[in-house]
Amino acid sequence: MYIANFCCNICCNIFKRKSKKIQWLLFFIAFLGVLIIKGFGVDVNTIGLLLIITSAIFLGLIFVIIRKIGNSENPLVIINYFMILAFVFGGVMSIDNWIMPNNLQWLLLLSSGVFGYIGQLYMTKAFQSNETNLVAPLKYLEVIAMIVIGSIWFDEVYNLWSLLGVFLILVGLIYNIYLKRKIS
């Protein structure tokens, strides 16, 4: 996801939507916060890393394309194409690893599908109505939300490094929004 914001900035430049140097610095500050939270492990799966980078490149490109399409396309059409592709690719990739869910797991799958659909709808509308380099950094809030959920629901404990990472994400995010509003 965080690589996607980088790719989004690159795509914005390709499609003549310039990002200022300070926005690149703010992106780097927020990304540094994510690295601090995630840690710097040495046991990285190379294939997984390549898939993540490829996914992030396409995600950044999708963000820019959705903005380029603007309001000429209904967000439900965009979301349905996304959901169909996710279903096909996810289905193919899960064939060898499929385990039949129990009733509670079916309920959780159904609720994640419904809430995911609603989230996609509003995210697509946000990308259609605002500049991509303003909306994309807001996705950093996912990291903070996951930390809060992890500490409340799963009793995870975070150290000062994690809090420093959250602080850097918030500084990069809030200052980027401030600059964008000041320019507009």
C-alpha atoms as a PDB file:
ATOM      1  CA  MET A   1       0.000   0.000   0.000  1.00  0.00           C
ATOM      2  CA  TYR A   2       2.727   2.407   0.906  1.00  0.00           C
ATOM      3  CA  ILE A   3       4.645   1.620  -2.244  1.00  0.00           C
ATOM      4  CA  ALA A   4       1.380   2.330  -4.072  1.00  0.00           C
ATOM      5  CA  ASN A   5       1.461   5.945  -2.893  1.00  0.00           C
ATOM      6  CA  PHE A   6       4.968   6.254  -4.329  1.00  0.00           C
ATOM      7  CA  CYS A   7       3.777   4.719  -7.599  1.00  0.00           C
ATOM      8  CA  CYS A   8       0.751   6.999  -7.484  1.00  0.00           C
ATOM      9  CA  ASN A   9       3.038  10.038  -7.329  1.00  0.00           C
ATOM     10  CA  ILE A  10       5.040   8.705 -10.280  1.00  0.00           C
ATOM     11  CA  CYS A  11       1.844   8.077 -12.261  1.00  0.00           C
ATOM     12  CA  CYS A  12       0.598  11.564 -11.370  1.00  0.00           C
ATOM     13  CA  ASN A  13       3.763  12.973 -12.905  1.00  0.00           C
ATOM     14  CA  ILE A  14       3.352  10.812 -16.015  1.00  0.00           C
ATOM     15  CA  PHE A  15      -0.230  12.039 -16.454  1.00  0.00           C
ATOM     16  CA  LYS A  16       0.876  15.666 -15.972  1.00  0.00           C
ATOM     17  CA  ARG A  17      -0.373  15.925 -12.415  1.00  0.00           C
ATOM     18  CA  LYS A  18       2.728  17.329 -10.773  1.00  0.00           C
ATOM     19  CA  SER A  19       3.624  16.665  -7.171  1.00  0.00           C
ATOM     20  CA  LYS A  20       5.757  19.214  -5.393  1.00  0.00           C
ATOM     21  CA  LYS A  21       9.122  18.260  -3.902  1.00  0.00           C
ATOM     22  CA  ILE A  22       7.777  18.889  -0.409  1.00  0.00           C
ATOM     23  CA  GLN A  23       5.019  16.325  -1.075  1.00  0.00           C
ATOM     24  CA  TRP A  24       7.675  13.754  -1.995  1.00  0.00           C
ATOM     25  CA  LEU A  25       9.455  14.567   1.281  1.00  0.00           C
ATOM     26  CA  LEU A  26       6.193  14.187   3.225  1.00  0.00           C
ATOM     27  CA  PHE A  27       5.562  10.873   1.482  1.00  0.00           C
ATOM     28  CA  PHE A  28       9.043   9.723   2.495  1.00  0.00           C
ATOM     29  CA  ILE A  29       8.437  10.805   6.116  1.00  0.00           C
ATOM     30  CA  ALA A  30       5.156   8.849   6.251  1.00  0.00           C
ATOM     31  CA  PHE A  31       6.782   5.847   4.569  1.00  0.00           C
ATOM     32  CA  LEU A  32       9.624   5.995   7.107  1.00  0.00           C
ATOM     33  CA  GLY A  33       6.965   5.869   9.824  1.00  0.00           C
ATOM     34  CA  VAL A  34       5.549   2.715   8.259  1.00  0.00           C
ATOM     35  CA  LEU A  35       9.025   1.144   8.099  1.00  0.00           C
ATOM     36  CA  ILE A  36       9.591   1.943  11.767  1.00  0.00           C
ATOM     37  CA  ILE A  37       6.273   0.311  12.691  1.00  0.00           C
ATOM     38  CA  LYS A  38       6.815  -2.758  10.503  1.00  0.00           C
ATOM     39  CA  GLY A  39      10.461  -3.206  11.460  1.00  0.00           C
ATOM     40  CA  PHE A  40      13.460  -4.018   9.322  1.00  0.00           C
ATOM     41  CA  GLY A  41      13.400  -7.819   9.089  1.00  0.00           C
ATOM     42  CA  VAL A  42      16.005  -9.720   7.084  1.00  0.00           C
ATOM     43  CA  ASP A  43      13.884 -12.797   6.371  1.00  0.00           C
ATOM     44  CA  VAL A  44      12.036 -11.394   3.361  1.00  0.00           C
ATOM     45  CA  ASN A  45      10.341 -13.689   0.845  1.00  0.00           C
ATOM     46  CA  THR A  46      11.592 -12.523  -2.578  1.00  0.00           C
ATOM     47  CA  ILE A  47       8.573 -13.756  -4.552  1.00  0.00           C
ATOM     48  CA  GLY A  48       6.210 -12.152  -2.062  1.00  0.00           C
ATOM     49  CA  LEU A  49       8.151  -8.890  -2.236  1.00  0.00           C
ATOM     50  CA  LEU A  50       7.964  -8.883  -6.049  1.00  0.00           C
ATOM     51  CA  LEU A  51       4.216  -9.539  -5.912  1.00  0.00           C
ATOM     52  CA  ILE A  52       3.775  -6.697  -3.426  1.00  0.00           C
ATOM     53  CA  ILE A  53       5.734  -4.257  -5.582  1.00  0.00           C
ATOM     54  CA  THR A  54       3.840  -5.322  -8.725  1.00  0.00           C
ATOM     55  CA  SER A  55       0.532  -4.958  -6.920  1.00  0.00           C
ATOM     56  CA  ALA A  56       1.522  -1.532  -5.606  1.00  0.00           C
ATOM     57  CA  ILE A  57       2.507  -0.324  -9.075  1.00  0.00           C
ATOM     58  CA  PHE A  58      -0.860  -1.332 -10.477  1.00  0.00           C
ATOM     59  CA  LEU A  59      -2.713   0.113  -7.471  1.00  0.00           C
ATOM     60  CA  GLY A  60      -0.997   3.479  -7.916  1.00  0.00           C
ATOM     61  CA  LEU A  61      -1.856   3.392 -11.614  1.00  0.00           C
ATOM     62  CA  ILE A  62      -5.481   2.527 -10.814  1.00  0.00           C
ATOM     63  CA  PHE A  63      -5.742   5.494  -8.418  1.00  0.00           C
ATOM     64  CA  VAL A  64      -4.616   7.861 -11.156  1.00  0.00           C
ATOM     65  CA  ILE A  65      -6.851   6.272 -13.818  1.00  0.00           C
ATOM     66  CA  ILE A  66      -9.916   6.537 -11.558  1.00  0.00           C
ATOM     67  CA  ARG A  67      -9.151  10.234 -11.098  1.00  0.00           C
ATOM     68  CA  LYS A  68      -8.612  10.636 -14.847  1.00  0.00           C
ATOM     69  CA  ILE A  69     -11.998   9.006 -15.558  1.00  0.00           C
ATOM     70  CA  GLY A  70     -13.578  11.436 -13.105  1.00  0.00           C
ATOM     71  CA  ASN A  71     -17.343  11.458 -12.896  1.00  0.00           C
ATOM     72  CA  SER A  72     -17.797  10.202 -16.468  1.00  0.00           C
ATOM     73  CA  GLU A  73     -18.125   6.642 -15.129  1.00  0.00           C
ATOM     74  CA  ASN A  74     -20.421   5.482 -12.341  1.00  0.00           C
ATOM     75  CA  PRO A  75     -18.359   4.339  -9.314  1.00  0.00           C
ATOM     76  CA  LEU A  76     -20.447   1.144  -9.111  1.00  0.00           C
ATOM     77  CA  VAL A  77     -19.204   0.106 -12.555  1.00  0.00           C
ATOM     78  CA  ILE A  78     -15.582   0.604 -11.482  1.00  0.00           C
ATOM     79  CA  ILE A  79     -16.154  -1.300  -8.241  1.00  0.00           C
ATOM     80  CA  ASN A  80     -17.921  -4.195  -9.964  1.00  0.00           C
ATOM     81  CA  TYR A  81     -15.023  -4.637 -12.390  1.00  0.00           C
ATOM     82  CA  PHE A  82     -12.653  -4.591  -9.430  1.00  0.00           C
ATOM     83  CA  MET A  83     -14.729  -7.115  -7.488  1.00  0.00           C
ATOM     84  CA  ILE A  84     -15.037  -9.475 -10.465  1.00  0.00           C
ATOM     85  CA  LEU A  85     -11.282  -9.409 -11.077  1.00  0.00           C
ATOM     86  CA  ALA A  86     -10.549  -9.883  -7.378  1.00  0.00           C
ATOM     87  CA  PHE A  87     -12.969 -12.830  -7.269  1.00  0.00           C
ATOM     88  CA  VAL A  88     -11.403 -14.494 -10.319  1.00  0.00           C
ATOM     89  CA  PHE A  89      -7.776 -13.987  -9.262  1.00  0.00           C
ATOM     90  CA  GLY A  90      -8.490 -14.763  -5.612  1.00  0.00           C
ATOM     91  CA  GLY A  91     -10.441 -17.864  -6.598  1.00  0.00           C
ATOM     92  CA  VAL A  92      -7.688 -19.157  -8.855  1.00  0.00           C
ATOM     93  CA  MET A  93      -4.999 -18.507  -6.253  1.00  0.00           C
ATOM     94  CA  SER A  94      -6.970 -20.252  -3.491  1.00  0.00           C
ATOM     95  CA  ILE A  95      -7.724 -23.495  -5.354  1.00  0.00           C
ATOM     96  CA  ASP A  96      -4.833 -25.420  -3.797  1.00  0.00           C
ATOM     97  CA  ASN A  97      -5.341 -23.960  -0.325  1.00  0.00           C
ATOM     98  CA  TRP A  98      -9.123 -23.927   0.040  1.00  0.00           C
ATOM     99  CA  ILE A  99     -10.532 -24.940   3.414  1.00  0.00           C
ATOM    100  CA  MET A 100     -14.294 -24.956   3.848  1.00  0.00           C
ATOM    101  CA  PRO A 101     -15.258 -22.182   6.307  1.00  0.00           C
ATOM    102  CA  ASN A 102     -17.519 -22.880   9.273  1.00  0.00           C
ATOM    103  CA  ASN A 103     -20.646 -20.800   9.981  1.00  0.00           C
ATOM    104  CA  LEU A 104     -18.821 -18.069  11.914  1.00  0.00           C
ATOM    105  CA  GLN A 105     -16.191 -17.791   9.201  1.00  0.00           C
ATOM    106  CA  TRP A 106     -18.910 -17.525   6.528  1.00  0.00           C
ATOM    107  CA  LEU A 107     -20.465 -14.687   8.527  1.00  0.00           C
ATOM    108  CA  LEU A 108     -17.095 -12.942   8.806  1.00  0.00           C
ATOM    109  CA  LEU A 109     -16.465 -13.415   5.069  1.00  0.00           C
ATOM    110  CA  LEU A 110     -19.880 -12.026   4.228  1.00  0.00           C
ATOM    111  CA  SER A 111     -19.445  -9.012   6.507  1.00  0.00           C
ATOM    112  CA  SER A 112     -15.964  -8.286   5.120  1.00  0.00           C
ATOM    113  CA  GLY A 113     -17.445  -8.440   1.620  1.00  0.00           C
ATOM    114  CA  VAL A 114     -20.248  -6.026   2.465  1.00  0.00           C
ATOM    115  CA  PHE A 115     -18.016  -3.575   4.333  1.00  0.00           C
ATOM    116  CA  GLY A 116     -15.314  -3.923   1.665  1.00  0.00           C
ATOM    117  CA  TYR A 117     -17.846  -3.056  -1.029  1.00  0.00           C
ATOM    118  CA  ILE A 118     -19.011   0.019   0.880  1.00  0.00           C
ATOM    119  CA  GLY A 119     -15.390   1.059   1.515  1.00  0.00           C
ATOM    120  CA  GLN A 120     -14.518   0.627  -2.166  1.00  0.00           C
ATOM    121  CA  LEU A 121     -17.522   2.718  -3.157  1.00  0.00           C
ATOM    122  CA  TYR A 122     -16.497   5.683  -1.039  1.00  0.00           C
ATOM    123  CA  MET A 123     -12.816   5.327  -1.879  1.00  0.00           C
ATOM    124  CA  THR A 124     -13.653   5.344  -5.600  1.00  0.00           C
ATOM    125  CA  LYS A 125     -15.865   8.402  -5.150  1.00  0.00           C
ATOM    126  CA  ALA A 126     -13.027  10.142  -3.277  1.00  0.00           C
ATOM    127  CA  PHE A 127     -10.551   9.434  -6.072  1.00  0.00           C
ATOM    128  CA  GLN A 128     -13.075  10.603  -8.670  1.00  0.00           C
ATOM    129  CA  SER A 129     -13.805  13.888  -6.930  1.00  0.00           C
ATOM    130  CA  ASN A 130     -10.390  14.960  -5.557  1.00  0.00           C
ATOM    131  CA  GLU A 131      -6.788  15.091  -6.675  1.00  0.00           C
ATOM    132  CA  THR A 132      -5.087  11.710  -6.450  1.00  0.00           C
ATOM    133  CA  ASN A 133      -2.040  13.012  -4.602  1.00  0.00           C
ATOM    134  CA  LEU A 134      -4.364  14.370  -1.903  1.00  0.00           C
ATOM    135  CA  VAL A 135      -6.526  11.271  -1.435  1.00  0.00           C
ATOM    136  CA  ALA A 136      -3.857   8.534  -1.709  1.00  0.00           C
ATOM    137  CA  PRO A 137      -1.873   9.579   1.393  1.00  0.00           C
ATOM    138  CA  LEU A 138      -5.058   9.267   3.480  1.00  0.00           C
ATOM    139  CA  LYS A 139      -4.702   5.521   3.067  1.00  0.00           C
ATOM    140  CA  TYR A 140      -1.856   5.736   5.603  1.00  0.00           C
ATOM    141  CA  LEU A 141      -4.601   6.000   8.200  1.00  0.00           C
ATOM    142  CA  GLU A 142      -5.096   2.254   7.671  1.00  0.00           C
ATOM    143  CA  VAL A 143      -1.854   1.616   9.567  1.00  0.00           C
ATOM    144  CA  ILE A 144      -3.029   3.677  12.506  1.00  0.00           C
ATOM    145  CA  ALA A 145      -6.465   2.030  12.471  1.00  0.00           C
ATOM    146  CA  MET A 146      -4.857  -1.424  12.487  1.00  0.00           C
ATOM    147  CA  ILE A 147      -2.690  -0.472  15.462  1.00  0.00           C
ATOM    148  CA  VAL A 148      -5.747   0.727  17.389  1.00  0.00           C
ATOM    149  CA  ILE A 149      -7.753  -2.394  16.473  1.00  0.00           C
ATOM    150  CA  GLY A 150      -4.794  -4.631  17.307  1.00  0.00           C
ATOM    151  CA  SER A 151      -4.355  -3.081  20.729  1.00  0.00           C
ATOM    152  CA  ILE A 152      -8.077  -3.133  21.576  1.00  0.00           C
ATOM    153  CA  TRP A 153      -9.189  -6.476  20.126  1.00  0.00           C
ATOM    154  CA  PHE A 154      -6.009  -8.523  20.207  1.00  0.00           C
ATOM    155  CA  ASP A 155      -4.250  -7.015  23.233  1.00  0.00           C
ATOM    156  CA  GLU A 156      -1.180  -6.149  21.177  1.00  0.00           C
ATOM    157  CA  VAL A 157       1.365  -3.953  22.898  1.00  0.00           C
ATOM    158  CA  TYR A 158       3.256  -1.293  20.967  1.00  0.00           C
ATOM    159  CA  ASN A 159       6.545   0.271  21.971  1.00  0.00           C
ATOM    160  CA  LEU A 160       7.858   3.805  21.561  1.00  0.00           C
ATOM    161  CA  TRP A 161       9.174   2.984  18.079  1.00  0.00           C
ATOM    162  CA  SER A 162       5.646   2.178  16.962  1.00  0.00           C
ATOM    163  CA  LEU A 163       4.364   5.431  18.409  1.00  0.00           C
ATOM    164  CA  LEU A 164       7.168   7.310  16.653  1.00  0.00           C
ATOM    165  CA  GLY A 165       6.102   5.633  13.409  1.00  0.00           C
ATOM    166  CA  VAL A 166       2.487   6.699  13.949  1.00  0.00           C
ATOM    167  CA  PHE A 167       3.665  10.231  14.677  1.00  0.00           C
ATOM    168  CA  LEU A 168       5.689  10.372  11.435  1.00  0.00           C
ATOM    169  CA  ILE A 169       2.721   9.057   9.433  1.00  0.00           C
ATOM    170  CA  LEU A 170       0.443  11.698  10.926  1.00  0.00           C
ATOM    171  CA  VAL A 171       2.966  14.504  10.346  1.00  0.00           C
ATOM    172  CA  GLY A 172       3.412  13.519   6.695  1.00  0.00           C
ATOM    173  CA  LEU A 173      -0.320  13.097   6.166  1.00  0.00           C
ATOM    174  CA  ILE A 174      -1.575  16.232   7.912  1.00  0.00           C
ATOM    175  CA  TYR A 175       1.092  18.517   6.476  1.00  0.00           C
ATOM    176  CA  ASN A 176       0.454  17.177   2.958  1.00  0.00           C
ATOM    177  CA  ILE A 177      -3.273  17.931   3.323  1.00  0.00           C
ATOM    178  CA  TYR A 178      -2.455  21.385   4.723  1.00  0.00           C
ATOM    179  CA  LEU A 179      -0.186  22.158   1.748  1.00  0.00           C
ATOM    180  CA  LYS A 180      -2.737  20.913  -0.753  1.00  0.00           C
ATOM    181  CA  ARG A 181      -5.497  23.062   0.738  1.00  0.00           C
ATOM    182  CA  LYS A 182      -3.175  26.067   0.894  1.00  0.00           C
ATOM    183  CA  ILE A 183      -2.347  25.693  -2.816  1.00  0.00           C
ATOM    184  CA  SER A 184      -6.005  25.243  -3.871  1.00  0.00           C
END
